[in-house]
Amino acid sequence: MDIAAELLAGSRLALSRAITAVENEYDEATAIMQQLYPHTGQAYVIGVTGPPGAGKSTLTDKLVKVYRRQGKTVGIIAVDPTSPFSGGAILGDRIRMNELTLDEGVFIRSMGTRGSLGGLSRKTADVVKIMDAAGKDVIFVETVGVGQSEVDIVKAADTTVVVLVPGLGDDIQAIKAGILEIGDVFAINKADREGAERLKAELNMMLDLDQAKSAWRPSIRQTVANAGQGIEELVATIDEHAAFLGTSGELVRRRTARARNELIALIEEQISHRILKDIAASGQLDALAAALAERREDPYAIVKRLLAAYLR
């Protein structure tokens, strides 16, 4: 039995092997994804993002436990910065989710960003599909943090939860990072700290000023993840947003846009890989680089010429 068939039969080992194959671009990766694709589209994907130190992993841990009590199976993808030495994830969010690792209904995988500017590895979407095909009801994608380029989370999630904490200048961070556009639900974690109410008031004020939002006005919930406070209310709000997406038709629109983006990215990746492989094999790459360095040619003319030759 092959990896895809074993995965569909419920093998956790096959699930792990399939993710490894995709992450490392093994020869069989494309075949695995093709076999699994018809079995995807059932899971609900929740993105969790926010600045370092906001308590995203602890909050995710508590959220997962609520969904498990509801009898739902869960997948967790923790997207960490990549080690420049090993190429692996370096934060190891699984360390903060020790209890969950013992739960057969939960599958956790740490992934490196692999140099992706958006903080999400290009392979994240494929790993979501693999966990989806494996029958996970809910999939969490926890990202590195919020910044100018971390808004890629919206390309992977149905509902995006932005986690903020009082006292870190998150009001300025929120405006700078454009999280008003990406946040469907805001969680003010460590809400027992001074400044939580002020942060909530400032967020509400900014949301009131934001006229570009759809019919859904992002909700703000206060939590103290370490103590388990506000978690049930946050899950209820996420479920409320999921219901809104379903009834408004927004879920179909979002998933269609996601499929379109994935298709474009795959086309670009395949074309780029093919052209670079051909250039490297022909020995032109070093010669072209030398011509650029000596200003005998410009990169725009070279790319135009290569594309014309390749497309012909």
Protein backbone atom coordinates (compact mmCIF):
# COMPACT_ATOMS: atom_id res chain seq x y z
CA MET A 1 0.00 0.00 0.00
CA ASP A 2 1.40 3.45 -0.91
CA ILE A 3 1.66 6.48 1.40
CA ALA A 4 -1.54 8.17 0.20
CA ALA A 5 -3.60 5.00 0.55
CA GLU A 6 -2.19 4.34 4.03
CA LEU A 7 -2.94 7.93 5.06
CA LEU A 8 -6.53 7.66 3.86
CA ALA A 9 -6.80 4.42 5.84
CA GLY A 10 -5.93 6.33 9.01
CA SER A 11 -2.18 5.80 9.43
CA ARG A 12 -0.47 8.54 11.48
CA LEU A 13 2.91 7.34 10.22
CA ALA A 14 1.76 7.77 6.61
CA LEU A 15 0.50 11.27 7.49
CA SER A 16 3.93 12.18 8.82
CA ARG A 17 5.69 10.63 5.82
CA ALA A 18 3.44 12.47 3.36
CA ILE A 19 4.23 15.82 5.01
CA THR A 20 7.96 15.03 4.98
CA ALA A 21 7.77 14.12 1.27
CA VAL A 22 6.09 17.45 0.44
CA GLU A 23 8.37 19.55 2.67
CA ASN A 24 11.52 18.04 1.17
CA GLU A 25 10.15 17.90 -2.38
CA TYR A 26 10.70 14.16 -2.77
CA ASP A 27 9.98 12.69 -6.20
CA GLU A 28 6.72 11.12 -5.01
CA ALA A 29 5.37 14.36 -3.46
CA THR A 30 3.33 15.44 -6.49
CA ALA A 31 1.80 11.99 -6.91
CA ILE A 32 0.83 11.95 -3.22
CA MET A 33 -0.87 15.35 -3.49
CA GLN A 34 -2.73 14.30 -6.64
CA GLN A 35 -4.09 11.21 -4.88
CA LEU A 36 -5.12 13.17 -1.79
CA TYR A 37 -6.66 16.22 -3.47
CA PRO A 38 -10.12 14.68 -4.11
CA HIS A 39 -10.36 13.99 -0.36
CA THR A 40 -9.75 17.60 0.71
CA GLY A 41 -12.03 20.58 1.34
CA GLN A 42 -13.74 19.32 4.49
CA ALA A 43 -11.58 20.76 7.30
CA TYR A 44 -12.04 24.25 8.76
CA VAL A 45 -8.77 26.20 8.85
CA ILE A 46 -8.05 28.66 11.65
CA GLY A 47 -5.04 30.97 11.43
CA VAL A 48 -3.44 32.24 14.65
CA THR A 49 -0.98 35.11 14.36
CA GLY A 50 0.40 37.88 16.51
CA PRO A 51 3.65 39.40 17.83
CA PRO A 52 6.25 37.27 19.61
CA GLY A 53 5.40 36.85 23.28
CA ALA A 54 1.65 37.19 22.78
CA GLY A 55 1.10 33.62 23.94
CA LYS A 56 -0.07 32.20 20.61
CA SER A 57 1.06 28.65 21.35
CA THR A 58 -0.53 28.56 24.80
CA LEU A 59 -3.76 30.01 23.40
CA THR A 60 -3.76 27.50 20.53
CA ASP A 61 -3.21 24.69 23.03
CA LYS A 62 -6.29 25.78 25.01
CA LEU A 63 -8.43 26.23 21.88
CA VAL A 64 -7.52 22.76 20.64
CA LYS A 65 -8.60 21.24 23.95
CA VAL A 66 -12.04 22.84 23.60
CA TYR A 67 -12.47 21.40 20.10
CA ARG A 68 -11.30 18.01 21.36
CA ARG A 69 -13.96 18.10 24.09
CA GLN A 70 -16.44 18.67 21.26
CA GLY A 71 -15.21 15.42 19.71
CA LYS A 72 -13.41 17.05 16.78
CA THR A 73 -10.04 15.91 15.49
CA VAL A 74 -7.40 18.60 15.12
CA GLY A 75 -4.28 19.28 13.07
CA ILE A 76 -1.75 21.94 14.12
CA ILE A 77 0.84 23.48 11.82
CA ALA A 78 3.28 25.64 13.78
CA VAL A 79 5.21 27.78 11.30
CA ASP A 80 8.52 28.77 12.90
CA PRO A 81 11.55 30.73 11.66
CA THR A 82 13.96 28.46 9.81
CA SER A 83 17.37 27.57 11.16
CA PRO A 84 20.06 28.84 8.75
CA PHE A 85 22.11 25.75 9.62
CA SER A 86 19.73 22.79 9.45
CA GLY A 87 16.85 24.32 7.50
CA GLY A 88 14.48 23.13 10.24
CA ALA A 89 12.08 25.04 12.49
CA ILE A 90 13.93 26.53 15.47
CA LEU A 91 11.28 27.59 17.99
CA GLY A 92 9.69 24.19 18.46
CA ASP A 93 6.12 25.10 19.40
CA ARG A 94 5.47 21.43 20.10
CA ILE A 95 7.42 21.90 23.34
CA ARG A 96 4.64 24.15 24.57
CA MET A 97 1.97 21.64 23.57
CA ASN A 98 3.30 18.57 25.39
CA GLU A 99 -0.09 17.33 26.59
CA LEU A 100 -1.55 17.41 23.08
CA THR A 101 1.18 15.15 21.71
CA LEU A 102 -0.30 12.29 23.72
CA ASP A 103 -3.75 12.78 22.17
CA GLU A 104 -4.37 10.46 19.19
CA GLY A 105 -6.96 12.94 17.89
CA VAL A 106 -4.36 15.69 17.52
CA PHE A 107 -1.49 15.83 15.01
CA ILE A 108 1.16 18.55 15.43
CA ARG A 109 3.77 19.52 12.87
CA SER A 110 6.36 22.31 13.10
CA MET A 111 7.44 23.82 9.79
CA GLY A 112 10.17 26.30 8.93
CA THR A 113 9.33 29.37 6.86
CA ARG A 114 12.03 28.21 4.43
CA GLY A 115 12.81 31.82 3.53
CA SER A 116 9.22 32.72 2.65
CA LEU A 117 8.86 36.50 3.07
CA GLY A 118 5.27 36.13 4.21
CA GLY A 119 6.27 34.01 7.16
CA LEU A 120 4.40 31.04 5.73
CA SER A 121 6.26 28.32 3.92
CA ARG A 122 5.07 27.70 0.37
CA LYS A 123 4.45 24.16 1.50
CA THR A 124 2.02 25.17 4.26
CA ALA A 125 -0.99 25.02 1.93
CA ASP A 126 -0.02 21.49 0.90
CA VAL A 127 0.36 20.37 4.52
CA VAL A 128 -3.11 21.79 5.26
CA LYS A 129 -4.47 19.65 2.42
CA ILE A 130 -2.66 16.55 3.71
CA MET A 131 -4.14 16.97 7.21
CA ASP A 132 -7.52 17.69 5.63
CA ALA A 133 -7.37 14.46 3.61
CA ALA A 134 -6.35 12.63 6.80
CA GLY A 135 -9.74 13.56 8.24
CA LYS A 136 -8.88 16.41 10.61
CA ASP A 137 -11.99 18.45 11.36
CA VAL A 138 -10.15 21.62 12.39
CA ILE A 139 -6.66 22.69 11.33
CA PHE A 140 -4.74 25.44 13.12
CA VAL A 141 -1.99 27.34 11.32
CA GLU A 142 0.07 29.26 13.87
CA THR A 143 2.49 31.75 12.29
CA VAL A 144 5.75 33.39 13.28
CA GLY A 145 4.26 36.80 14.06
CA VAL A 146 2.68 39.94 12.71
CA GLY A 147 4.72 42.25 10.50
CA GLN A 148 4.57 43.94 7.14
CA SER A 149 4.79 40.63 5.27
CA GLU A 150 3.14 38.18 7.66
CA VAL A 151 -0.33 38.91 6.26
CA ASP A 152 0.04 35.79 4.10
CA ILE A 153 -1.94 34.01 6.83
CA VAL A 154 -5.17 35.13 5.13
CA LYS A 155 -4.21 33.01 2.10
CA ALA A 156 -4.25 29.86 4.22
CA ALA A 157 -7.05 30.36 6.76
CA ASP A 158 -10.83 30.50 6.77
CA THR A 159 -10.84 32.45 10.04
CA THR A 160 -7.83 34.48 11.17
CA VAL A 161 -7.36 35.11 14.89
CA VAL A 162 -4.95 37.94 15.71
CA VAL A 163 -3.51 37.66 19.21
CA LEU A 164 -2.41 40.88 20.92
CA VAL A 165 -1.18 41.65 24.43
CA PRO A 166 -1.31 44.85 26.50
CA GLY A 167 1.84 46.82 27.03
CA LEU A 168 3.75 46.04 23.83
CA GLY A 169 2.57 48.98 21.76
CA ASP A 170 0.17 46.75 19.87
CA ASP A 171 -2.01 49.70 18.90
CA ILE A 172 0.85 51.04 16.76
CA GLN A 173 1.71 47.51 15.61
CA ALA A 174 -1.90 46.97 14.53
CA ILE A 175 -1.93 50.03 12.31
CA LYS A 176 1.55 49.37 10.86
CA ALA A 177 0.93 45.73 10.05
CA GLY A 178 -2.50 46.27 8.55
CA ILE A 179 -4.01 43.63 10.82
CA LEU A 180 -7.38 45.35 10.68
CA GLU A 181 -7.58 43.86 7.20
CA ILE A 182 -6.47 40.35 8.15
CA GLY A 183 -8.12 39.90 11.55
CA ASP A 184 -11.54 38.24 11.67
CA VAL A 185 -11.31 37.83 15.44
CA PHE A 186 -9.01 39.66 17.85
CA ALA A 187 -7.89 38.00 21.08
CA ILE A 188 -6.37 40.25 23.72
CA ASN A 189 -4.38 37.67 25.63
CA LYS A 190 -2.86 38.17 29.10
CA ALA A 191 -5.89 40.38 29.71
CA ASP A 192 -5.17 40.39 33.44
CA ARG A 193 -2.36 42.83 32.70
CA GLU A 194 -2.72 46.59 33.02
CA GLY A 195 -3.75 48.22 29.75
CA ALA A 196 -6.04 45.47 28.46
CA GLU A 197 -9.15 47.65 28.52
CA ARG A 198 -7.29 50.53 26.87
CA LEU A 199 -6.08 48.22 24.08
CA LYS A 200 -9.63 46.93 23.58
CA ALA A 201 -10.98 50.50 23.38
CA GLU A 202 -8.30 51.51 20.86
CA LEU A 203 -8.99 48.44 18.73
CA ASN A 204 -12.71 49.18 18.77
CA MET A 205 -12.01 52.77 17.75
CA MET A 206 -9.86 51.66 14.81
CA LEU A 207 -12.48 49.13 13.73
CA ASP A 208 -15.14 51.84 13.82
CA LEU A 209 -12.97 53.98 11.53
CA ASP A 210 -12.36 51.12 9.11
CA GLN A 211 -14.98 51.45 6.40
CA ALA A 212 -13.53 48.78 4.10
CA LYS A 213 -14.72 45.82 6.16
CA SER A 214 -17.44 43.48 4.99
CA ALA A 215 -20.69 42.79 6.81
CA TRP A 216 -18.67 41.01 9.48
CA ARG A 217 -17.29 43.34 12.13
CA PRO A 218 -14.29 41.67 13.79
CA SER A 219 -15.02 40.66 17.36
CA ILE A 220 -12.65 41.32 20.25
CA ARG A 221 -12.31 38.78 23.04
CA GLN A 222 -10.16 38.97 26.16
CA THR A 223 -8.34 35.86 27.34
CA VAL A 224 -5.84 34.71 29.93
CA ALA A 225 -4.64 31.56 28.19
CA ASN A 226 -2.43 30.35 31.04
CA ALA A 227 -5.44 30.30 33.36
CA GLY A 228 -7.87 29.07 30.71
CA GLN A 229 -9.98 32.22 30.97
CA GLY A 230 -12.07 33.40 28.01
CA ILE A 231 -11.23 30.36 25.86
CA GLU A 232 -14.80 29.03 25.51
CA GLU A 233 -15.98 32.53 24.52
CA LEU A 234 -13.22 32.79 21.93
CA VAL A 235 -14.19 29.42 20.41
CA ALA A 236 -17.82 30.54 20.31
CA THR A 237 -16.76 33.68 18.42
CA ILE A 238 -14.70 31.66 15.93
CA ASP A 239 -17.72 29.39 15.38
CA GLU A 240 -19.90 32.47 14.93
CA HIS A 241 -17.57 33.74 12.23
CA ALA A 242 -17.57 30.32 10.54
CA ALA A 243 -21.37 30.40 10.48
CA PHE A 244 -21.32 33.92 9.00
CA LEU A 245 -18.93 32.81 6.24
CA GLY A 246 -21.19 29.89 5.40
CA THR A 247 -24.48 31.81 5.23
CA SER A 248 -23.05 34.86 3.44
CA GLY A 249 -21.26 32.89 0.74
CA GLU A 250 -17.96 34.44 1.86
CA LEU A 251 -16.44 31.03 2.61
CA VAL A 252 -16.84 29.93 -1.01
CA ARG A 253 -15.41 33.24 -2.20
CA ARG A 254 -12.40 32.97 0.11
CA ARG A 255 -11.66 29.38 -0.81
CA THR A 256 -12.00 30.14 -4.52
CA ALA A 257 -9.55 33.04 -4.15
CA ARG A 258 -7.22 30.75 -2.22
CA ALA A 259 -7.37 28.11 -4.96
CA ARG A 260 -6.65 30.77 -7.56
CA ASN A 261 -3.61 32.05 -5.62
CA GLU A 262 -2.31 28.51 -5.13
CA LEU A 263 -2.68 27.76 -8.84
CA ILE A 264 -0.81 30.93 -9.81
CA ALA A 265 1.95 30.17 -7.28
CA LEU A 266 2.29 26.60 -8.56
CA ILE A 267 2.49 27.74 -12.19
CA GLU A 268 5.14 30.34 -11.30
CA GLU A 269 7.10 27.80 -9.27
CA GLN A 270 7.06 25.14 -11.98
CA ILE A 271 8.00 27.56 -14.77
CA SER A 272 10.77 29.11 -12.67
CA HIS A 273 12.13 25.70 -11.68
CA ARG A 274 12.09 24.43 -15.27
CA ILE A 275 13.80 27.48 -16.76
CA LEU A 276 16.48 27.64 -14.05
CA LYS A 277 17.13 23.91 -14.40
CA ASP A 278 17.58 24.26 -18.18
CA ILE A 279 19.86 27.31 -17.82
CA ALA A 280 22.00 25.60 -15.19
CA ALA A 281 22.27 22.43 -17.28
CA SER A 282 23.37 24.40 -20.36
CA GLY A 283 26.08 26.20 -18.39
CA GLN A 284 24.70 29.65 -19.27
CA LEU A 285 24.10 30.84 -15.71
CA ASP A 286 27.69 31.77 -14.85
CA ALA A 287 28.24 33.42 -18.22
CA LEU A 288 25.07 35.49 -17.87
CA ALA A 289 26.01 36.48 -14.31
CA ALA A 290 29.44 37.61 -15.54
CA ALA A 291 27.83 39.66 -18.32
CA LEU A 292 25.63 41.38 -15.75
CA ALA A 293 28.48 42.05 -13.34
CA GLU A 294 30.54 43.61 -16.15
CA ARG A 295 27.49 45.63 -17.30
CA ARG A 296 27.72 44.16 -20.79
CA GLU A 297 24.05 43.25 -20.52
CA ASP A 298 21.12 44.20 -18.32
CA PRO A 299 19.00 41.62 -16.42
CA TYR A 300 15.73 42.74 -18.02
CA ALA A 301 16.93 42.02 -21.56
CA ILE A 302 18.34 38.66 -20.48
CA VAL A 303 15.10 37.56 -18.80
CA LYS A 304 13.06 38.75 -21.78
CA ARG A 305 15.29 36.78 -24.16
CA LEU A 306 15.20 33.63 -22.02
CA LEU A 307 11.43 33.73 -21.68
CA ALA A 308 10.96 34.30 -25.40
CA ALA A 309 13.18 31.31 -26.20
CA TYR A 310 11.49 29.11 -23.60
CA LEU A 311 7.93 30.00 -24.58
CA ARG A 312 8.71 29.46 -28.25
